[in-house]
Amino acid sequence: MRLEDAQKILKRPYVTERTFDQIEKENKLCFLVDDGATKTQIANAVLALYEVRVAAVNTSRTIRGKKAFVRLIEENKAAELAMKMGLV
């Protein structure tokens, strides 16, 4: 996947108290994503932009838009990625 396409799919990280707890306890990150993005596209976009592998993607639609909860594989730590992204 091209970086331009990945940036269109992943709009921005979404951080709240709940998602911050998920970073530490469940190895998950949350992103606001394009409304038409599929779970496979979201996983590929995370791989292209951040070079980490994804174990699972769960999505939900909210007032703010579509959110994707991305669980990383055990070898990749969400807390480390969050620090690199400047979220922590």
N, C-alpha and C. Protein backbone atom coordinates (compact mmCIF):
# COMPACT_ATOMS: atom_id res chain seq x y z
N MET A 1 0.84 -1.18 0.00
CA MET A 1 0.00 0.00 0.00
C MET A 1 0.89 1.25 0.00
N ARG A 2 0.51 2.23 -0.80
CA ARG A 2 1.25 3.49 -0.86
C ARG A 2 0.98 4.32 0.39
N LEU A 3 1.94 5.11 0.78
CA LEU A 3 1.80 5.94 1.97
C LEU A 3 0.65 6.94 1.84
N GLU A 4 0.44 7.48 0.64
CA GLU A 4 -0.66 8.43 0.43
C GLU A 4 -2.01 7.78 0.69
N ASP A 5 -2.17 6.54 0.22
CA ASP A 5 -3.41 5.81 0.44
C ASP A 5 -3.60 5.50 1.93
N ALA A 6 -2.51 5.11 2.59
CA ALA A 6 -2.58 4.79 4.01
C ALA A 6 -2.96 6.02 4.83
N GLN A 7 -2.46 7.18 4.46
CA GLN A 7 -2.78 8.41 5.17
C GLN A 7 -4.23 8.82 4.97
N LYS A 8 -4.80 8.47 3.84
CA LYS A 8 -6.22 8.75 3.61
C LYS A 8 -7.10 7.84 4.45
N ILE A 9 -6.65 6.61 4.67
CA ILE A 9 -7.43 5.65 5.46
C ILE A 9 -7.37 5.98 6.94
N LEU A 10 -6.16 6.19 7.47
CA LEU A 10 -5.99 6.54 8.89
C LEU A 10 -5.96 8.05 9.01
N LYS A 11 -7.05 8.64 9.47
CA LYS A 11 -7.11 10.10 9.58
C LYS A 11 -6.22 10.61 10.70
N ARG A 12 -6.41 10.05 11.92
CA ARG A 12 -5.59 10.48 13.05
C ARG A 12 -5.80 9.53 14.22
N PRO A 13 -4.84 9.48 15.15
CA PRO A 13 -5.03 8.68 16.36
C PRO A 13 -6.13 9.30 17.21
N TYR A 14 -6.81 8.47 17.97
CA TYR A 14 -7.89 8.93 18.85
C TYR A 14 -7.53 8.49 20.26
N VAL A 15 -7.33 9.47 21.15
CA VAL A 15 -6.90 9.15 22.51
C VAL A 15 -7.87 9.74 23.52
N THR A 16 -8.37 8.86 24.38
CA THR A 16 -9.18 9.23 25.53
C THR A 16 -8.64 8.44 26.71
N GLU A 17 -9.24 8.60 27.88
CA GLU A 17 -8.81 7.79 29.03
C GLU A 17 -8.98 6.30 28.72
N ARG A 18 -10.09 5.95 28.10
CA ARG A 18 -10.37 4.55 27.79
C ARG A 18 -9.34 4.00 26.80
N THR A 19 -9.08 4.73 25.74
CA THR A 19 -8.13 4.23 24.75
C THR A 19 -6.70 4.23 25.30
N PHE A 20 -6.40 5.15 26.21
CA PHE A 20 -5.08 5.15 26.85
C PHE A 20 -4.90 3.89 27.68
N ASP A 21 -5.95 3.46 28.40
CA ASP A 21 -5.90 2.21 29.15
C ASP A 21 -5.71 1.01 28.22
N GLN A 22 -6.35 1.06 27.05
CA GLN A 22 -6.21 -0.04 26.09
C GLN A 22 -4.79 -0.14 25.55
N ILE A 23 -4.12 0.98 25.43
CA ILE A 23 -2.73 0.96 24.97
C ILE A 23 -1.89 0.14 25.94
N GLU A 24 -2.07 0.39 27.22
CA GLU A 24 -1.25 -0.27 28.23
C GLU A 24 -1.68 -1.70 28.52
N LYS A 25 -2.99 -1.94 28.61
CA LYS A 25 -3.48 -3.24 29.07
C LYS A 25 -3.75 -4.25 27.96
N GLU A 26 -4.20 -3.76 26.79
CA GLU A 26 -4.63 -4.67 25.73
C GLU A 26 -3.77 -4.61 24.47
N ASN A 27 -2.72 -3.78 24.47
CA ASN A 27 -1.85 -3.63 23.30
C ASN A 27 -2.64 -3.16 22.07
N LYS A 28 -3.56 -2.18 22.31
CA LYS A 28 -4.41 -1.65 21.24
C LYS A 28 -4.20 -0.16 21.07
N LEU A 29 -4.37 0.29 19.84
CA LEU A 29 -4.40 1.71 19.51
C LEU A 29 -5.73 2.01 18.84
N CYS A 30 -6.19 3.24 18.96
CA CYS A 30 -7.45 3.63 18.34
C CYS A 30 -7.19 4.75 17.34
N PHE A 31 -7.81 4.65 16.17
CA PHE A 31 -7.68 5.65 15.12
C PHE A 31 -9.05 6.05 14.61
N LEU A 32 -9.20 7.32 14.22
CA LEU A 32 -10.33 7.71 13.40
C LEU A 32 -9.94 7.38 11.97
N VAL A 33 -10.83 6.70 11.27
CA VAL A 33 -10.50 6.21 9.93
C VAL A 33 -11.54 6.67 8.92
N ASP A 34 -11.22 6.51 7.65
CA ASP A 34 -12.14 6.82 6.57
C ASP A 34 -13.40 5.96 6.69
N ASP A 35 -14.56 6.54 6.44
CA ASP A 35 -15.82 5.82 6.60
C ASP A 35 -15.93 4.58 5.71
N GLY A 36 -15.27 4.57 4.57
CA GLY A 36 -15.35 3.44 3.66
C GLY A 36 -14.26 2.40 3.84
N ALA A 37 -13.39 2.60 4.81
CA ALA A 37 -12.24 1.70 4.99
C ALA A 37 -12.67 0.35 5.56
N THR A 38 -12.09 -0.71 5.01
CA THR A 38 -12.35 -2.06 5.53
C THR A 38 -11.29 -2.40 6.57
N LYS A 39 -11.54 -3.48 7.32
CA LYS A 39 -10.59 -3.90 8.34
C LYS A 39 -9.24 -4.27 7.73
N THR A 40 -9.25 -4.91 6.59
CA THR A 40 -8.02 -5.28 5.91
C THR A 40 -7.25 -4.04 5.47
N GLN A 41 -7.95 -3.06 4.93
CA GLN A 41 -7.30 -1.82 4.51
C GLN A 41 -6.69 -1.09 5.72
N ILE A 42 -7.39 -1.09 6.84
CA ILE A 42 -6.89 -0.44 8.05
C ILE A 42 -5.62 -1.13 8.52
N ALA A 43 -5.62 -2.46 8.55
CA ALA A 43 -4.44 -3.21 8.98
C ALA A 43 -3.26 -2.93 8.05
N ASN A 44 -3.50 -2.90 6.75
CA ASN A 44 -2.44 -2.62 5.79
C ASN A 44 -1.92 -1.19 5.93
N ALA A 45 -2.80 -0.25 6.24
CA ALA A 45 -2.38 1.15 6.42
C ALA A 45 -1.49 1.29 7.66
N VAL A 46 -1.83 0.60 8.74
CA VAL A 46 -1.00 0.63 9.94
C VAL A 46 0.37 0.04 9.65
N LEU A 47 0.41 -1.04 8.91
CA LEU A 47 1.68 -1.66 8.54
C LEU A 47 2.51 -0.70 7.67
N ALA A 48 1.88 -0.05 6.71
CA ALA A 48 2.60 0.85 5.81
C ALA A 48 3.13 2.09 6.52
N LEU A 49 2.33 2.67 7.41
CA LEU A 49 2.72 3.92 8.06
C LEU A 49 3.66 3.72 9.25
N TYR A 50 3.39 2.68 10.05
CA TYR A 50 4.12 2.54 11.31
C TYR A 50 5.01 1.30 11.38
N GLU A 51 4.97 0.46 10.35
CA GLU A 51 5.82 -0.73 10.26
C GLU A 51 5.65 -1.66 11.45
N VAL A 52 4.41 -1.85 11.87
CA VAL A 52 4.07 -2.82 12.92
C VAL A 52 2.97 -3.73 12.38
N ARG A 53 2.99 -4.98 12.83
CA ARG A 53 1.99 -5.95 12.36
C ARG A 53 0.77 -5.92 13.26
N VAL A 54 -0.37 -6.16 12.66
CA VAL A 54 -1.65 -6.07 13.34
C VAL A 54 -2.20 -7.48 13.57
N ALA A 55 -2.70 -7.73 14.79
CA ALA A 55 -3.32 -9.01 15.10
C ALA A 55 -4.82 -8.99 14.79
N ALA A 56 -5.49 -7.86 15.10
CA ALA A 56 -6.93 -7.77 14.89
C ALA A 56 -7.35 -6.32 14.77
N VAL A 57 -8.46 -6.11 14.06
CA VAL A 57 -9.05 -4.77 13.93
C VAL A 57 -10.53 -4.87 14.24
N ASN A 58 -11.01 -4.00 15.14
CA ASN A 58 -12.43 -3.87 15.42
C ASN A 58 -12.83 -2.44 15.08
N THR A 59 -13.99 -2.28 14.46
CA THR A 59 -14.43 -0.94 14.08
C THR A 59 -15.78 -0.63 14.70
N SER A 60 -16.03 0.67 14.84
CA SER A 60 -17.34 1.13 15.31
C SER A 60 -17.61 2.49 14.70
N ARG A 61 -18.87 2.78 14.52
CA ARG A 61 -19.28 4.09 13.99
C ARG A 61 -19.81 4.92 15.15
N THR A 62 -19.31 6.15 15.22
CA THR A 62 -19.72 7.06 16.29
C THR A 62 -20.10 8.40 15.68
N ILE A 63 -20.47 9.32 16.53
CA ILE A 63 -20.79 10.67 16.07
C ILE A 63 -19.56 11.32 15.44
N ARG A 64 -18.40 11.04 15.99
CA ARG A 64 -17.15 11.61 15.47
C ARG A 64 -16.70 10.97 14.16
N GLY A 65 -17.27 9.84 13.80
CA GLY A 65 -16.87 9.13 12.59
C GLY A 65 -16.57 7.68 12.91
N LYS A 66 -15.95 7.01 11.98
CA LYS A 66 -15.62 5.60 12.15
C LYS A 66 -14.32 5.47 12.93
N LYS A 67 -14.34 4.65 13.98
CA LYS A 67 -13.15 4.40 14.79
C LYS A 67 -12.69 2.97 14.57
N ALA A 68 -11.39 2.79 14.58
CA ALA A 68 -10.79 1.45 14.46
C ALA A 68 -9.93 1.20 15.68
N PHE A 69 -10.20 0.09 16.36
CA PHE A 69 -9.39 -0.36 17.48
C PHE A 69 -8.46 -1.43 16.94
N VAL A 70 -7.16 -1.14 16.93
CA VAL A 70 -6.17 -1.99 16.28
C VAL A 70 -5.32 -2.66 17.36
N ARG A 71 -5.41 -4.00 17.44
CA ARG A 71 -4.58 -4.75 18.39
C ARG A 71 -3.34 -5.23 17.65
N LEU A 72 -2.17 -4.91 18.21
CA LEU A 72 -0.92 -5.29 17.59
C LEU A 72 -0.50 -6.69 18.03
N ILE A 73 0.36 -7.33 17.24
CA ILE A 73 0.88 -8.63 17.65
C ILE A 73 1.76 -8.43 18.88
N GLU A 74 2.01 -9.50 19.62
CA GLU A 74 2.72 -9.40 20.89
C GLU A 74 4.13 -8.82 20.75
N GLU A 75 4.80 -9.07 19.63
CA GLU A 75 6.16 -8.57 19.45
C GLU A 75 6.19 -7.05 19.34
N ASN A 76 5.10 -6.45 18.86
CA ASN A 76 5.01 -4.99 18.73
C ASN A 76 4.23 -4.45 19.92
N LYS A 77 4.78 -3.47 20.59
CA LYS A 77 4.14 -2.90 21.77
C LYS A 77 3.43 -1.59 21.41
N ALA A 78 2.15 -1.51 21.72
CA ALA A 78 1.37 -0.31 21.44
C ALA A 78 1.91 0.89 22.21
N ALA A 79 2.40 0.68 23.42
CA ALA A 79 2.93 1.78 24.22
C ALA A 79 4.16 2.40 23.55
N GLU A 80 5.02 1.56 22.98
CA GLU A 80 6.20 2.08 22.28
C GLU A 80 5.81 2.88 21.05
N LEU A 81 4.84 2.37 20.29
CA LEU A 81 4.38 3.09 19.10
C LEU A 81 3.70 4.40 19.49
N ALA A 82 2.92 4.38 20.56
CA ALA A 82 2.26 5.59 21.03
C ALA A 82 3.29 6.65 21.42
N MET A 83 4.39 6.23 22.02
CA MET A 83 5.45 7.17 22.38
C MET A 83 6.10 7.76 21.14
N LYS A 84 6.33 6.94 20.12
CA LYS A 84 6.92 7.42 18.87
C LYS A 84 5.98 8.41 18.18
N MET A 85 4.67 8.17 18.30
CA MET A 85 3.68 9.03 17.67
C MET A 85 3.44 10.31 18.48
N GLY A 86 3.97 10.36 19.71
CA GLY A 86 3.79 11.54 20.55
C GLY A 86 2.47 11.57 21.29
N LEU A 87 1.85 10.41 21.48
CA LEU A 87 0.58 10.35 22.17
C LEU A 87 0.75 10.24 23.68
N VAL A 88 1.88 9.73 24.11
CA VAL A 88 2.13 9.52 25.55
C VAL A 88 3.19 10.47 26.03
